Every structure is written in structure tokens, then in C-alpha cells.
């Protein structure tokens, strides 16, 4: 099977020119087909504040009312996405910027009211990924750059977690390619000691994950990233890696997720 590497990246890595350039230099070294899934939450928060729109977060998730939906659509689907696409194409690649609404590649439903009464608003949970369309783009030499917006059943754009999108895309393509899913963030991998940047845990399986959670070593925003990682491995994704920019083409010092 042909190789496909799906890299999910967010935070300052895609929002600051120097770190974005570093990312794309490393990204260009990956062999085989590639897909880039990005976030952009910090920029969305800044733009919202400049427009007088309050950012509300619940359990690390952005509450997306109608005003915030307009902001994230502009930021994720426009500003951040097209900046990444332009930077890739300046390096002689054939990147194409997409949201889930484009060609209907990622469809979702609006997240229901939570048991605690939380209404996340226009936030989507993924229902399906059109693997046929993505394969057609890849085989045509395209490099999809996917923003974290999906298509609701009524035609509404829905703000959707980028980690979830990356995992869903990897799962949908796992029976067509030899898929490596890479979650790229500021650290070299999952750290045993948050204050020791070299304390990378080289491998995490289901049993050790339970123990790491019980010991409080893994918590907060790392939990959904790891939950998505295990879901992808269980669904047939060949390998899942958690790493930093410098290591997205070489996983020898990263965290590998196994069942």
C-alpha cells in the first residue's frame, strides 16, 4: 500500500511565521502522500476580542455561538488556511485548502445539549468522511490542507475539533493507504514530567495509558489527543505518533501509540 502521512498541527506553530516556516520545511521531507489538518484557536480568540466578541471555553472546548461561528469561519477557513496553503505552494507543492463543506468531504451533526446543561452551540461531531474524494485529490497529486470546520446536515458550517478531524480522516483512509497519523505540538512527545522536556514516554498502550491517567501524569488537553490516538489505532491506522515540529519526519524520539 502507498504511504500516507496525516499531520495535525495547531497553536503557535501555524500562527507564527517562523514556526510555520519550520513546520513546512519538516513537512516537505515526508515521503509519500500527505494531508495537513490545522487549528488556529489563538488567532480566533484574538480576532474575536478585536471585534468585541467574548470567547467562552468549557472543558477546553470553545463554545461557538453565531458570532463566534463567523469568527472561526473567517479565521480557520480563511486567514490561517490560506496562509498555510500559500506558504506550501511557494515551495512548489500543489496544496489545496479545504473545509469539511468543500466537496462535502466531512459531514457532522451539531453536538447535543450536554447532561450538565452546557450548550456548545455550532460545534460539530463528525459523522462521515468522503474517502473517495480525498483519494481522488491525493492520487491527482494534490496536498489537502484541512481547516477545522465541517458540514452540518442543514448546510450550516460547524466548528469541529481538529484532533477529531485528523483522526476521522486517518480512519477513513486506513484501508486504502499505509497511514501514519502525527499529532504535532510544542513538545517532543508525551512527557512523564511536564517540567522536563526530554522526559518523553516512548510508547503508550491501553494499559499504560490507564495508569498514566490514574497517576495524573496525563491530564487536561492531552486526554482528547490520546483518546483520538487510540480510537485511530483501533480503527486500523497503522501508526500514531505524538511529537514536535523537528521530528515529524523522524519519530525515533517521539511517543508512539499502540494498543
Protein backbone atom coordinates (compact mmCIF):
# COMPACT_ATOMS: atom_id res chain seq x y z
CA UNK A 1 0.00 0.00 0.00
CA UNK A 2 1.10 3.56 -0.66
CA UNK A 3 2.19 5.68 2.28
CA UNK A 4 0.01 8.50 3.59
CA UNK A 5 1.05 10.79 6.43
CA UNK A 6 -1.60 12.95 8.08
CA UNK A 7 -0.17 15.70 10.25
CA UNK A 8 -2.36 17.63 12.67
CA UNK A 9 -0.87 20.87 13.90
CA UNK A 10 -2.15 23.90 15.76
CA UNK A 11 -1.31 26.61 18.25
CA UNK A 12 1.56 28.98 17.65
CA UNK A 13 3.14 26.51 15.22
CA UNK A 14 0.78 27.59 12.44
CA UNK A 15 0.13 31.10 13.71
CA UNK A 16 3.68 32.48 13.91
CA UNK A 17 5.68 32.94 10.67
CA UNK A 18 8.95 31.48 11.96
CA UNK A 19 7.41 28.34 13.45
CA UNK A 20 5.18 27.84 10.37
CA UNK A 21 8.24 28.02 8.12
CA UNK A 22 9.98 25.47 10.33
CA UNK A 23 6.94 23.19 10.18
CA UNK A 24 6.66 23.33 6.41
CA UNK A 25 10.37 22.64 5.97
CA UNK A 26 9.99 19.48 8.05
CA UNK A 27 6.66 18.61 6.40
CA UNK A 28 8.26 18.77 2.94
CA UNK A 29 10.68 16.00 3.94
CA UNK A 30 7.90 13.46 4.48
CA UNK A 31 7.74 10.89 1.71
CA UNK A 32 4.54 9.70 0.06
CA UNK A 33 1.11 11.30 0.13
CA UNK A 34 0.43 13.97 2.75
CA UNK A 35 -2.54 15.71 4.37
CA UNK A 36 -2.25 18.63 6.80
CA UNK A 37 -5.01 19.32 9.33
CA UNK A 38 -4.69 22.57 11.27
CA UNK A 39 -6.20 24.53 14.13
CA UNK A 40 -5.87 28.24 14.83
CA UNK A 41 -7.64 28.86 18.12
CA UNK A 42 -5.29 31.53 19.41
CA UNK A 43 -5.85 33.67 16.33
CA UNK A 44 -9.62 33.13 16.57
CA UNK A 45 -9.55 34.35 20.17
CA UNK A 46 -7.53 37.43 19.21
CA UNK A 47 -9.80 38.31 16.28
CA UNK A 48 -12.91 37.78 18.40
CA UNK A 49 -11.55 40.13 21.08
CA UNK A 50 -10.80 42.80 18.46
CA UNK A 51 -14.46 42.58 17.41
CA UNK A 52 -15.75 42.73 20.97
CA UNK A 53 -16.84 39.08 20.96
CA UNK A 54 -16.23 37.16 24.18
CA UNK A 55 -14.54 33.77 24.00
CA UNK A 56 -16.16 31.12 26.20
CA UNK A 57 -14.46 27.80 26.90
CA UNK A 58 -15.90 24.75 28.68
CA UNK A 59 -13.53 21.87 29.49
CA UNK A 60 -11.05 23.24 26.99
CA UNK A 61 -13.65 23.39 24.20
CA UNK A 62 -14.75 26.60 22.52
CA UNK A 63 -18.43 27.49 22.83
CA UNK A 64 -19.46 28.62 19.36
CA UNK A 65 -22.47 30.92 19.16
CA UNK A 66 -23.50 32.63 15.91
CA UNK A 67 -20.98 35.47 16.31
CA UNK A 68 -18.13 33.11 17.16
CA UNK A 69 -19.05 30.88 14.22
CA UNK A 70 -18.48 33.83 11.89
CA UNK A 71 -15.10 34.45 13.52
CA UNK A 72 -13.85 30.86 13.30
CA UNK A 73 -15.09 30.56 9.71
CA UNK A 74 -13.09 33.65 8.75
CA UNK A 75 -10.02 32.61 10.74
CA UNK A 76 -9.87 28.86 10.20
CA UNK A 77 -11.26 28.63 6.68
CA UNK A 78 -9.72 31.91 5.52
CA UNK A 79 -6.81 33.55 7.28
CA UNK A 80 -5.00 30.51 8.71
CA UNK A 81 -5.87 28.03 5.97
CA UNK A 82 -4.94 30.22 3.03
CA UNK A 83 -1.74 31.40 4.68
CA UNK A 84 -0.63 27.77 5.08
CA UNK A 85 -1.67 26.93 1.51
CA UNK A 86 0.24 29.93 0.14
CA UNK A 87 3.37 29.01 2.09
CA UNK A 88 3.26 25.40 0.87
CA UNK A 89 2.65 26.37 -2.74
CA UNK A 90 5.54 28.85 -2.60
CA UNK A 91 7.67 25.75 -2.08
CA UNK A 92 6.43 24.30 -5.40
CA UNK A 93 3.81 21.97 -3.96
CA UNK A 94 0.19 21.58 -5.01
CA UNK A 95 -1.69 22.35 -1.81
CA UNK A 96 -5.45 22.88 -1.84
CA UNK A 97 -7.23 24.46 1.13
CA UNK A 98 -10.45 22.81 2.25
CA UNK A 99 -13.10 22.86 4.93
CA UNK A 100 -15.43 19.94 5.51
CA UNK A 101 -18.03 21.74 3.40
CA UNK A 102 -15.84 21.70 0.28
CA UNK A 103 -17.00 18.79 -1.89
CA UNK A 104 -18.81 17.66 1.28
CA UNK A 105 -15.69 15.86 2.49
CA UNK A 106 -16.51 15.91 6.23
CA UNK A 107 -20.11 15.84 7.45
CA UNK A 108 -21.16 16.21 11.06
CA UNK A 109 -24.08 16.78 13.39
CA UNK A 110 -24.45 19.57 15.89
CA UNK A 111 -23.35 18.49 19.35
CA UNK A 112 -26.43 17.99 21.55
CA UNK A 113 -27.08 19.69 24.86
CA UNK A 114 -24.78 18.15 27.45
CA UNK A 115 -26.02 16.41 30.63
CA UNK A 116 -24.67 19.32 32.70
CA UNK A 117 -26.69 21.78 30.62
CA UNK A 118 -23.77 23.02 28.51
CA UNK A 119 -24.74 24.14 25.02
CA UNK A 120 -21.64 24.26 22.81
CA UNK A 121 -23.60 25.96 20.06
CA UNK A 122 -22.42 25.49 16.48
CA UNK A 123 -19.97 22.71 17.31
CA UNK A 124 -19.94 19.56 15.19
CA UNK A 125 -19.20 15.91 15.92
CA UNK A 126 -18.04 14.04 12.82
CA UNK A 127 -20.44 11.61 11.13
CA UNK A 128 -18.59 10.75 7.93
CA UNK A 129 -15.53 11.45 5.79
CA UNK A 130 -15.67 11.09 1.99
CA UNK A 131 -12.62 8.90 1.44
CA UNK A 132 -13.31 8.69 -2.32
CA UNK A 133 -12.90 12.43 -2.80
CA UNK A 134 -9.78 12.62 -0.66
CA UNK A 135 -8.24 9.68 -2.51
CA UNK A 136 -9.01 11.35 -5.84
CA UNK A 137 -7.23 14.50 -4.68
CA UNK A 138 -4.24 12.57 -3.39
CA UNK A 139 -3.89 10.43 -6.49
CA UNK A 140 -4.13 13.60 -8.57
CA UNK A 141 -1.05 14.94 -6.83
CA UNK A 142 -2.91 17.32 -4.53
CA UNK A 143 -1.95 18.05 -0.92
CA UNK A 144 -5.15 18.73 1.07
CA UNK A 145 -4.89 21.32 3.86
CA UNK A 146 -8.00 20.90 6.00
CA UNK A 147 -9.45 23.56 8.31
CA UNK A 148 -11.44 22.50 11.41
CA UNK A 149 -14.89 23.26 10.00
CA UNK A 150 -17.39 20.59 8.96
CA UNK A 151 -20.69 20.44 7.09
CA UNK A 152 -23.88 20.17 9.13
CA UNK A 153 -26.93 18.39 7.74
CA UNK A 154 -28.78 21.69 7.20
CA UNK A 155 -25.88 23.28 5.36
CA UNK A 156 -24.50 25.08 8.39
CA UNK A 157 -20.77 25.14 8.99
CA UNK A 158 -19.85 23.64 12.35
CA UNK A 159 -16.72 24.28 14.40
CA UNK A 160 -15.08 20.88 14.93
CA UNK A 161 -12.08 19.77 16.98
CA UNK A 162 -9.04 19.48 14.69
CA UNK A 163 -7.68 16.42 16.54
CA UNK A 164 -11.00 14.68 15.89
CA UNK A 165 -10.93 15.66 12.22
CA UNK A 166 -7.41 14.30 11.82
CA UNK A 167 -8.34 11.03 13.49
CA UNK A 168 -11.51 10.68 11.42
CA UNK A 169 -9.68 11.34 8.14
CA UNK A 170 -6.96 8.85 9.07
CA UNK A 171 -9.54 6.21 9.94
CA UNK A 172 -11.47 6.75 6.70
CA UNK A 173 -8.33 6.23 4.62
CA UNK A 174 -6.79 3.40 6.66
CA UNK A 175 -7.99 0.66 4.32
CA UNK A 176 -6.61 2.46 1.25
CA UNK A 177 -3.18 3.59 2.44
CA UNK A 178 -0.46 2.77 4.93
CA UNK A 179 -1.48 5.62 7.23
CA UNK A 180 0.68 7.39 9.79
CA UNK A 181 -1.18 9.94 11.91
CA UNK A 182 1.05 12.56 13.52
CA UNK A 183 -0.15 14.92 16.24
CA UNK A 184 2.37 17.77 16.23
CA UNK A 185 2.60 20.22 19.11
CA UNK A 186 5.19 22.06 21.22
CA UNK A 187 6.77 19.05 22.95
CA UNK A 188 8.77 16.10 21.62
CA UNK A 189 6.07 13.71 22.79
CA UNK A 190 4.00 12.90 25.87
CA UNK A 191 6.11 13.90 28.87
CA UNK A 192 6.46 11.95 32.11
CA UNK A 193 7.45 15.21 33.82
CA UNK A 194 5.92 18.40 32.46
CA UNK A 195 8.97 20.36 33.64
CA UNK A 196 11.45 18.06 31.87
CA UNK A 197 11.18 18.46 28.08
CA UNK A 198 13.28 15.35 27.41
CA UNK A 199 11.20 13.03 29.63
CA UNK A 200 9.35 11.65 26.59
CA UNK A 201 7.40 8.44 27.11
CA UNK A 202 8.46 6.41 24.03
CA UNK A 203 5.40 4.13 23.87
CA UNK A 204 1.92 4.20 25.37
CA UNK A 205 -0.50 1.29 25.16
CA UNK A 206 -4.02 0.96 26.59
CA UNK A 207 -2.84 -0.43 29.92
CA UNK A 208 -0.10 2.13 30.49
CA UNK A 209 -2.48 4.91 29.43
CA UNK A 210 -4.90 3.96 32.19
CA UNK A 211 -2.05 4.07 34.70
CA UNK A 212 -0.75 7.41 33.42
CA UNK A 213 -4.23 8.90 33.87
CA UNK A 214 -4.58 7.41 37.35
CA UNK A 215 -1.20 8.85 38.35
CA UNK A 216 -2.11 12.28 36.99
CA UNK A 217 0.82 12.25 34.56
CA UNK A 218 -1.55 12.64 31.61
CA UNK A 219 -4.40 15.12 32.07
CA UNK A 220 -6.12 18.16 30.63
CA UNK A 221 -5.76 18.84 26.92
CA UNK A 222 -3.61 15.76 26.39
CA UNK A 223 -6.54 13.44 27.15
CA UNK A 224 -8.61 14.12 23.99
CA UNK A 225 -5.43 13.91 21.90
CA UNK A 226 -4.65 10.47 23.31
CA UNK A 227 -8.29 9.34 23.16
CA UNK A 228 -8.33 10.22 19.45
CA UNK A 229 -5.00 8.43 19.01
CA UNK A 230 -6.26 5.17 20.48
CA UNK A 231 -9.51 5.40 18.51
CA UNK A 232 -7.49 5.73 15.30
CA UNK A 233 -5.25 2.75 16.10
CA UNK A 234 -8.26 0.60 16.97
CA UNK A 235 -9.83 1.59 13.63
CA UNK A 236 -6.86 0.36 11.61
CA UNK A 237 -4.49 3.33 11.38
CA UNK A 238 -1.05 1.71 11.20
CA UNK A 239 0.80 4.09 13.50
CA UNK A 240 0.01 7.16 15.58
CA UNK A 241 2.78 9.49 16.71
CA UNK A 242 2.77 12.42 19.13
CA UNK A 243 5.74 14.69 18.53
CA UNK A 244 7.08 18.17 17.78
CA UNK A 245 7.91 20.02 14.56
CA UNK A 246 11.53 18.87 14.40
CA UNK A 247 10.53 15.22 14.49
CA UNK A 248 7.53 14.91 12.16
CA UNK A 249 9.72 13.16 9.58
CA UNK A 250 11.67 11.10 12.16
CA UNK A 251 9.78 9.51 15.05
CA UNK A 252 12.73 7.90 16.86
CA UNK A 253 12.47 10.19 19.89
CA UNK A 254 8.68 10.65 19.89
CA UNK A 255 5.73 8.96 21.59
CA UNK A 256 4.23 6.03 19.66
CA UNK A 257 0.66 4.94 20.47
CA UNK A 258 -0.05 1.20 20.48
CA UNK A 259 -2.98 -0.98 21.54
